[in-house]
Every structure is written in structure tokens, then in C-alpha cells.
Amino acid sequence: MSSLWSEEAKLSRWLEIEILACEGMANRRIIPRKDARTIRRKAKFNIRQVHKNEERTRHDVLAFLEDVASHVGPAGRWIHQGLTSSDILDTTLAWQLRDAADLLIAGVRKVKAAAAMRARKHRGMLTIGRTHGIHAEPTSHGIRMALLHDEFCRAEERLVAARDEIAVGKLSGAVGTYAHLDPAIEAYVCQKLKLKPG
């Protein structure tokens, strides 16, 4: 999970979104395909240089873009065309949250399976049920595990619903009107990232 949220991972996602946007623009013949291929091949970043740039620019995305463009050369002029910082930041966050939710869902499914197995294994193991920390009625360890399994089934449903709600990318410009970018480019990038267009 922590690797999803590292600075390296975040900037790598920024880079992939920028590259995909250029490829989408090339597909729509907005920029030359040759330049999009050059961007895909040469685009990279150096975290130390991004930090140096940010000290000067006081803008994280601009600092990043300056460094990436320096590696690409003349084709770098197309990077970030029609996009805003929010397009990159919001889409990256949705992508990270979706991937984090996938990890959580996988974990919940493992706990569910373990609880179901223990519910079957210990269905006859009697224990004292408690309420307010006081002995109440007899129950079994299996019933407790079955109830835990049921709770995790509901948790999984909520996580899956939340995952689907947050898995939305946005490359629609400053106020969401697509004034400088064709909606087909947003659709292309989101399809490649397995996000819904915003």
C-alpha cells in the first residue's frame, strides 16, 4: 500500500497521464504522431531536479513539467497542452484511490475466507456470549466467526461501491468545459487507466 503513495509513484502516474494525453492528441491528429512516440520514448523525470525546480517555481506540477520537457527535447512542447494541474492531480488521486481500494478489497476477501473457514471449523466449539462485558448466553466460536464473515461481506460491498465511485478521471480543463482539449482525449486516457471519464 505504501508504494502507491510514494512521491516516485505519484510522479510516475503524472508522467503516464501526460504521455497518454499526448498519445490521445496524436490519435486525433492534434499533434504529430512522431512527437507522441518521442514523448513516450524519452519522457522521464528526476525527483531531485523536480525539487530544485519547485524551489524556484513554487509550483509542483510546473516544476515536474519543466524537468520532463528537458528530457524530451523539442517534442516536449506538446506535454501538458490543454491540460491543467487539476486534471493531472485529480486523475492521479482517483487512480491511486482506485488501486488502494483494490488492495483493501483483496484484504477483506482474505479475511472473509478465513472467517468462513473458522466458522465451519469451530461451529461446535461452545463459548460464552457477552454483552456489556458480562456473561450473557451460550454461543459458539463458529457463530462468532460467521457473524464476522457477514460483517466483512457488507464491508466488501461498501468498498466496491466506493471504489467504483472514486475511479473517475478528469481531463476537461480549468472549469470542466473542455475548452482546450477534446473530450475524446479524456476518454482515451481514462480507458487506458481503467477509469471512468468525468
C-alpha atoms as a PDB file:
ATOM      1  CA  MET A   1       0.000   0.000   0.000  1.00  0.00           C
ATOM      2  CA  SER A   2       2.721   2.491   0.916  1.00  0.00           C
ATOM      3  CA  SER A   3       4.305   2.153  -2.527  1.00  0.00           C
ATOM      4  CA  LEU A   4       1.114   3.588  -4.073  1.00  0.00           C
ATOM      5  CA  TRP A   5       1.581   6.810  -2.127  1.00  0.00           C
ATOM      6  CA  SER A   6       5.310   7.411  -2.531  1.00  0.00           C
ATOM      7  CA  GLU A   7       6.452  10.534  -4.341  1.00  0.00           C
ATOM      8  CA  GLU A   8       8.079   8.378  -7.023  1.00  0.00           C
ATOM      9  CA  ALA A   9       4.762   6.591  -7.626  1.00  0.00           C
ATOM     10  CA  LYS A  10       2.824   9.856  -7.749  1.00  0.00           C
ATOM     11  CA  LEU A  11       5.188  11.444 -10.262  1.00  0.00           C
ATOM     12  CA  SER A  12       5.241   8.251 -12.341  1.00  0.00           C
ATOM     13  CA  ARG A  13       1.465   8.466 -12.571  1.00  0.00           C
ATOM     14  CA  TRP A  14       1.634  12.134 -13.504  1.00  0.00           C
ATOM     15  CA  LEU A  15       4.049  11.185 -16.264  1.00  0.00           C
ATOM     16  CA  GLU A  16       1.860   8.384 -17.594  1.00  0.00           C
ATOM     17  CA  ILE A  17      -1.177  10.684 -17.730  1.00  0.00           C
ATOM     18  CA  GLU A  18       0.816  13.327 -19.619  1.00  0.00           C
ATOM     19  CA  ILE A  19       2.126  10.716 -22.069  1.00  0.00           C
ATOM     20  CA  LEU A  20      -1.320   9.217 -22.622  1.00  0.00           C
ATOM     21  CA  ALA A  21      -2.789  12.679 -23.226  1.00  0.00           C
ATOM     22  CA  CYS A  22      -0.147  13.270 -25.911  1.00  0.00           C
ATOM     23  CA  GLU A  23      -0.923   9.896 -27.480  1.00  0.00           C
ATOM     24  CA  GLY A  24      -4.619  10.762 -27.418  1.00  0.00           C
ATOM     25  CA  MET A  25      -3.887  14.086 -29.117  1.00  0.00           C
ATOM     26  CA  ALA A  26      -1.802  12.287 -31.745  1.00  0.00           C
ATOM     27  CA  ASN A  27      -4.685   9.876 -32.365  1.00  0.00           C
ATOM     28  CA  ARG A  28      -6.906  12.927 -33.027  1.00  0.00           C
ATOM     29  CA  ARG A  29      -4.179  14.465 -35.245  1.00  0.00           C
ATOM     30  CA  ILE A  30      -3.790  17.435 -32.904  1.00  0.00           C
ATOM     31  CA  ILE A  31      -0.071  16.789 -32.515  1.00  0.00           C
ATOM     32  CA  PRO A  32       2.283  14.810 -34.778  1.00  0.00           C
ATOM     33  CA  ARG A  33       2.368  11.058 -34.072  1.00  0.00           C
ATOM     34  CA  LYS A  34       6.152  11.186 -34.341  1.00  0.00           C
ATOM     35  CA  ASP A  35       6.269  13.638 -31.427  1.00  0.00           C
ATOM     36  CA  ALA A  36       3.944  11.464 -29.327  1.00  0.00           C
ATOM     37  CA  ARG A  37       6.243   8.485 -29.935  1.00  0.00           C
ATOM     38  CA  THR A  38       9.256  10.594 -28.954  1.00  0.00           C
ATOM     39  CA  ILE A  39       7.474  11.672 -25.780  1.00  0.00           C
ATOM     40  CA  ARG A  40       6.651   8.052 -24.908  1.00  0.00           C
ATOM     41  CA  ARG A  41      10.254   7.012 -25.509  1.00  0.00           C
ATOM     42  CA  LYS A  42      12.108   9.892 -23.850  1.00  0.00           C
ATOM     43  CA  ALA A  43       9.828  11.243 -21.131  1.00  0.00           C
ATOM     44  CA  LYS A  44      11.198  10.747 -17.643  1.00  0.00           C
ATOM     45  CA  PHE A  45      11.823  12.762 -14.509  1.00  0.00           C
ATOM     46  CA  ASN A  46      14.462  13.228 -11.868  1.00  0.00           C
ATOM     47  CA  ILE A  47      12.991  13.797  -8.405  1.00  0.00           C
ATOM     48  CA  ARG A  48      15.964  15.876  -7.241  1.00  0.00           C
ATOM     49  CA  GLN A  49      15.644  18.153 -10.256  1.00  0.00           C
ATOM     50  CA  VAL A  50      11.890  18.436  -9.751  1.00  0.00           C
ATOM     51  CA  HIS A  51      12.557  19.567  -6.154  1.00  0.00           C
ATOM     52  CA  LYS A  52      15.111  22.134  -7.350  1.00  0.00           C
ATOM     53  CA  ASN A  53      12.656  23.408  -9.942  1.00  0.00           C
ATOM     54  CA  GLU A  54       9.933  23.648  -7.321  1.00  0.00           C
ATOM     55  CA  GLU A  55      12.100  25.815  -5.064  1.00  0.00           C
ATOM     56  CA  ARG A  56      12.208  28.308  -7.928  1.00  0.00           C
ATOM     57  CA  THR A  57       8.705  27.928  -9.403  1.00  0.00           C
ATOM     58  CA  ARG A  58       6.828  27.258  -6.153  1.00  0.00           C
ATOM     59  CA  HIS A  59       4.516  25.057  -8.234  1.00  0.00           C
ATOM     60  CA  ASP A  60       4.818  21.276  -8.073  1.00  0.00           C
ATOM     61  CA  VAL A  61       3.311  20.465 -11.458  1.00  0.00           C
ATOM     62  CA  LEU A  62       5.211  23.201 -13.291  1.00  0.00           C
ATOM     63  CA  ALA A  63       8.457  22.024 -11.672  1.00  0.00           C
ATOM     64  CA  PHE A  64       7.701  18.482 -12.824  1.00  0.00           C
ATOM     65  CA  LEU A  65       6.786  19.551 -16.366  1.00  0.00           C
ATOM     66  CA  GLU A  66       9.970  21.579 -16.770  1.00  0.00           C
ATOM     67  CA  ASP A  67      12.056  18.557 -15.860  1.00  0.00           C
ATOM     68  CA  VAL A  68      10.142  16.165 -18.126  1.00  0.00           C
ATOM     69  CA  ALA A  69      10.318  18.557 -21.083  1.00  0.00           C
ATOM     70  CA  SER A  70      14.085  18.883 -20.615  1.00  0.00           C
ATOM     71  CA  HIS A  71      14.472  15.139 -21.227  1.00  0.00           C
ATOM     72  CA  VAL A  72      12.192  15.037 -24.260  1.00  0.00           C
ATOM     73  CA  GLY A  73      13.574  17.879 -26.364  1.00  0.00           C
ATOM     74  CA  PRO A  74      11.517  19.792 -28.964  1.00  0.00           C
ATOM     75  CA  ALA A  75       8.594  17.331 -28.832  1.00  0.00           C
ATOM     76  CA  GLY A  76       8.214  18.312 -25.180  1.00  0.00           C
ATOM     77  CA  ARG A  77       6.315  21.416 -26.288  1.00  0.00           C
ATOM     78  CA  TRP A  78       3.178  19.250 -26.526  1.00  0.00           C
ATOM     79  CA  ILE A  79       3.355  17.971 -22.958  1.00  0.00           C
ATOM     80  CA  HIS A  80       0.502  19.377 -20.845  1.00  0.00           C
ATOM     81  CA  GLN A  81      -1.116  21.108 -23.836  1.00  0.00           C
ATOM     82  CA  GLY A  82      -4.754  21.841 -22.982  1.00  0.00           C
ATOM     83  CA  LEU A  83      -4.401  20.354 -19.500  1.00  0.00           C
ATOM     84  CA  THR A  84      -4.477  21.951 -16.073  1.00  0.00           C
ATOM     85  CA  SER A  85      -2.698  20.965 -12.889  1.00  0.00           C
ATOM     86  CA  SER A  86      -6.043  19.804 -11.506  1.00  0.00           C
ATOM     87  CA  ASP A  87      -6.528  17.492 -14.472  1.00  0.00           C
ATOM     88  CA  ILE A  88      -3.292  15.735 -13.545  1.00  0.00           C
ATOM     89  CA  LEU A  89      -3.689  15.880  -9.757  1.00  0.00           C
ATOM     90  CA  ASP A  90      -7.337  14.785  -9.680  1.00  0.00           C
ATOM     91  CA  THR A  91      -6.864  11.957 -12.161  1.00  0.00           C
ATOM     92  CA  THR A  92      -3.774  10.739 -10.318  1.00  0.00           C
ATOM     93  CA  LEU A  93      -5.609  10.784  -6.990  1.00  0.00           C
ATOM     94  CA  ALA A  94      -8.544   8.835  -8.446  1.00  0.00           C
ATOM     95  CA  TRP A  95      -6.107   6.296  -9.915  1.00  0.00           C
ATOM     96  CA  GLN A  96      -4.270   5.939  -6.585  1.00  0.00           C
ATOM     97  CA  LEU A  97      -7.503   5.627  -4.599  1.00  0.00           C
ATOM     98  CA  ARG A  98      -8.846   3.016  -7.018  1.00  0.00           C
ATOM     99  CA  ASP A  99      -5.659   0.963  -6.704  1.00  0.00           C
ATOM    100  CA  ALA A 100      -5.650   1.363  -2.908  1.00  0.00           C
ATOM    101  CA  ALA A 101      -9.273   0.222  -2.800  1.00  0.00           C
ATOM    102  CA  ASP A 102      -8.318  -2.841  -4.857  1.00  0.00           C
ATOM    103  CA  LEU A 103      -5.721  -3.747  -2.218  1.00  0.00           C
ATOM    104  CA  LEU A 104      -8.225  -3.222   0.598  1.00  0.00           C
ATOM    105  CA  ILE A 105     -10.853  -5.311  -1.175  1.00  0.00           C
ATOM    106  CA  ALA A 106      -8.341  -8.125  -1.673  1.00  0.00           C
ATOM    107  CA  GLY A 107      -7.532  -7.971   2.042  1.00  0.00           C
ATOM    108  CA  VAL A 108     -11.194  -8.046   3.014  1.00  0.00           C
ATOM    109  CA  ARG A 109     -11.726 -11.091   0.803  1.00  0.00           C
ATOM    110  CA  LYS A 110      -8.885 -12.905   2.586  1.00  0.00           C
ATOM    111  CA  VAL A 111     -10.382 -12.088   5.991  1.00  0.00           C
ATOM    112  CA  LYS A 112     -13.804 -13.238   4.767  1.00  0.00           C
ATOM    113  CA  ALA A 113     -12.375 -16.546   3.590  1.00  0.00           C
ATOM    114  CA  ALA A 114     -10.548 -17.061   6.894  1.00  0.00           C
ATOM    115  CA  ALA A 115     -13.679 -16.220   8.895  1.00  0.00           C
ATOM    116  CA  ALA A 116     -15.800 -18.607   6.798  1.00  0.00           C
ATOM    117  CA  MET A 117     -13.277 -21.400   7.258  1.00  0.00           C
ATOM    118  CA  ARG A 118     -13.119 -20.836  11.014  1.00  0.00           C
ATOM    119  CA  ALA A 119     -16.910 -20.616  11.247  1.00  0.00           C
ATOM    120  CA  ARG A 120     -17.179 -24.101   9.748  1.00  0.00           C
ATOM    121  CA  LYS A 121     -14.259 -25.495  11.724  1.00  0.00           C
ATOM    122  CA  HIS A 122     -15.460 -24.189  15.102  1.00  0.00           C
ATOM    123  CA  ARG A 123     -19.229 -24.405  14.706  1.00  0.00           C
ATOM    124  CA  GLY A 124     -19.450 -26.779  17.655  1.00  0.00           C
ATOM    125  CA  MET A 125     -16.940 -25.022  19.936  1.00  0.00           C
ATOM    126  CA  LEU A 126     -19.069 -23.585  22.722  1.00  0.00           C
ATOM    127  CA  THR A 127     -18.222 -20.301  24.350  1.00  0.00           C
ATOM    128  CA  ILE A 128     -19.947 -17.727  26.499  1.00  0.00           C
ATOM    129  CA  GLY A 129     -21.517 -14.810  24.704  1.00  0.00           C
ATOM    130  CA  ARG A 130     -21.086 -11.466  26.395  1.00  0.00           C
ATOM    131  CA  THR A 131     -22.976  -8.226  26.442  1.00  0.00           C
ATOM    132  CA  HIS A 132     -21.530  -5.129  28.087  1.00  0.00           C
ATOM    133  CA  GLY A 133     -18.573  -7.313  29.097  1.00  0.00           C
ATOM    134  CA  ILE A 134     -20.768  -9.598  31.209  1.00  0.00           C
ATOM    135  CA  HIS A 135     -21.639 -13.268  30.581  1.00  0.00           C
ATOM    136  CA  ALA A 136     -24.906 -13.438  28.681  1.00  0.00           C
ATOM    137  CA  GLU A 137     -25.885 -16.569  26.740  1.00  0.00           C
ATOM    138  CA  PRO A 138     -24.046 -19.589  25.349  1.00  0.00           C
ATOM    139  CA  THR A 139     -22.949 -19.385  21.743  1.00  0.00           C
ATOM    140  CA  SER A 140     -20.238 -20.947  19.622  1.00  0.00           C
ATOM    141  CA  HIS A 141     -16.971 -19.672  18.270  1.00  0.00           C
ATOM    142  CA  GLY A 142     -18.297 -20.710  14.847  1.00  0.00           C
ATOM    143  CA  ILE A 143     -21.290 -18.384  15.176  1.00  0.00           C
ATOM    144  CA  ARG A 144     -18.986 -15.514  16.134  1.00  0.00           C
ATOM    145  CA  MET A 145     -16.872 -16.189  13.044  1.00  0.00           C
ATOM    146  CA  ALA A 146     -19.996 -16.440  10.859  1.00  0.00           C
ATOM    147  CA  LEU A 147     -21.123 -13.036  12.139  1.00  0.00           C
ATOM    148  CA  LEU A 148     -17.661 -11.629  11.463  1.00  0.00           C
ATOM    149  CA  HIS A 149     -17.829 -13.075   7.935  1.00  0.00           C
ATOM    150  CA  ASP A 150     -21.178 -11.359   7.436  1.00  0.00           C
ATOM    151  CA  GLU A 151     -19.753  -8.016   8.594  1.00  0.00           C
ATOM    152  CA  PHE A 152     -16.882  -8.322   6.144  1.00  0.00           C
ATOM    153  CA  CYS A 153     -19.324  -9.168   3.324  1.00  0.00           C
ATOM    154  CA  ARG A 154     -21.023  -5.829   3.959  1.00  0.00           C
ATOM    155  CA  ALA A 155     -17.653  -4.074   4.205  1.00  0.00           C
ATOM    156  CA  GLU A 156     -16.648  -5.525   0.836  1.00  0.00           C
ATOM    157  CA  GLU A 157     -19.863  -4.278  -0.778  1.00  0.00           C
ATOM    158  CA  ARG A 158     -19.244  -0.771   0.558  1.00  0.00           C
ATOM    159  CA  LEU A 159     -15.598  -0.795  -0.569  1.00  0.00           C
ATOM    160  CA  VAL A 160     -16.518  -1.990  -4.063  1.00  0.00           C
ATOM    161  CA  ALA A 161     -19.155   0.752  -4.329  1.00  0.00           C
ATOM    162  CA  ALA A 162     -16.685   3.378  -3.085  1.00  0.00           C
ATOM    163  CA  ARG A 163     -14.032   2.113  -5.499  1.00  0.00           C
ATOM    164  CA  ASP A 164     -16.413   2.464  -8.420  1.00  0.00           C
ATOM    165  CA  GLU A 165     -17.398   5.981  -7.333  1.00  0.00           C
ATOM    166  CA  ILE A 166     -13.815   7.237  -6.996  1.00  0.00           C
ATOM    167  CA  ALA A 167     -12.452   5.636 -10.182  1.00  0.00           C
ATOM    168  CA  VAL A 168     -13.139   8.739 -12.278  1.00  0.00           C
ATOM    169  CA  GLY A 169     -10.570  10.632 -14.309  1.00  0.00           C
ATOM    170  CA  LYS A 170     -10.847  14.253 -15.399  1.00  0.00           C
ATOM    171  CA  LEU A 171      -9.034  15.974 -18.239  1.00  0.00           C
ATOM    172  CA  SER A 172     -11.547  18.683 -19.003  1.00  0.00           C
ATOM    173  CA  GLY A 173      -9.674  21.895 -18.297  1.00  0.00           C
ATOM    174  CA  ALA A 174      -9.888  24.610 -15.690  1.00  0.00           C
ATOM    175  CA  VAL A 175     -13.667  24.674 -15.303  1.00  0.00           C
ATOM    176  CA  GLY A 176     -14.604  21.335 -16.852  1.00  0.00           C
ATOM    177  CA  THR A 177     -15.762  22.678 -20.220  1.00  0.00           C
ATOM    178  CA  TYR A 178     -13.166  21.010 -22.478  1.00  0.00           C
ATOM    179  CA  ALA A 179     -12.344  24.471 -23.849  1.00  0.00           C
ATOM    180  CA  HIS A 180      -8.800  23.439 -24.793  1.00  0.00           C
ATOM    181  CA  LEU A 181      -8.978  19.661 -25.008  1.00  0.00           C
ATOM    182  CA  ASP A 182     -11.229  17.315 -26.956  1.00  0.00           C
ATOM    183  CA  PRO A 183     -13.358  15.098 -24.660  1.00  0.00           C
ATOM    184  CA  ALA A 184     -12.162  12.136 -26.744  1.00  0.00           C
ATOM    185  CA  ILE A 185      -8.698  12.630 -25.235  1.00  0.00           C
ATOM    186  CA  GLU A 186     -10.098  12.381 -21.715  1.00  0.00           C
ATOM    187  CA  ALA A 187     -11.966   9.239 -22.785  1.00  0.00           C
ATOM    188  CA  TYR A 188      -8.777   7.761 -24.284  1.00  0.00           C
ATOM    189  CA  VAL A 189      -6.667   8.426 -21.187  1.00  0.00           C
ATOM    190  CA  CYS A 190      -9.362   7.137 -18.833  1.00  0.00           C
ATOM    191  CA  GLN A 191      -9.858   3.992 -20.907  1.00  0.00           C
ATOM    192  CA  LYS A 192      -6.122   3.267 -20.755  1.00  0.00           C
ATOM    193  CA  LEU A 193      -6.103   3.818 -16.972  1.00  0.00           C
ATOM    194  CA  LYS A 194      -9.356   1.879 -16.492  1.00  0.00           C
ATOM    195  CA  LEU A 195     -11.078   4.942 -15.044  1.00  0.00           C
ATOM    196  CA  LYS A 196     -14.446   6.397 -15.977  1.00  0.00           C
ATOM    197  CA  PRO A 197     -14.296   9.769 -17.751  1.00  0.00           C
ATOM    198  CA  GLY A 198     -15.506  12.615 -15.547  1.00  0.00           C
END
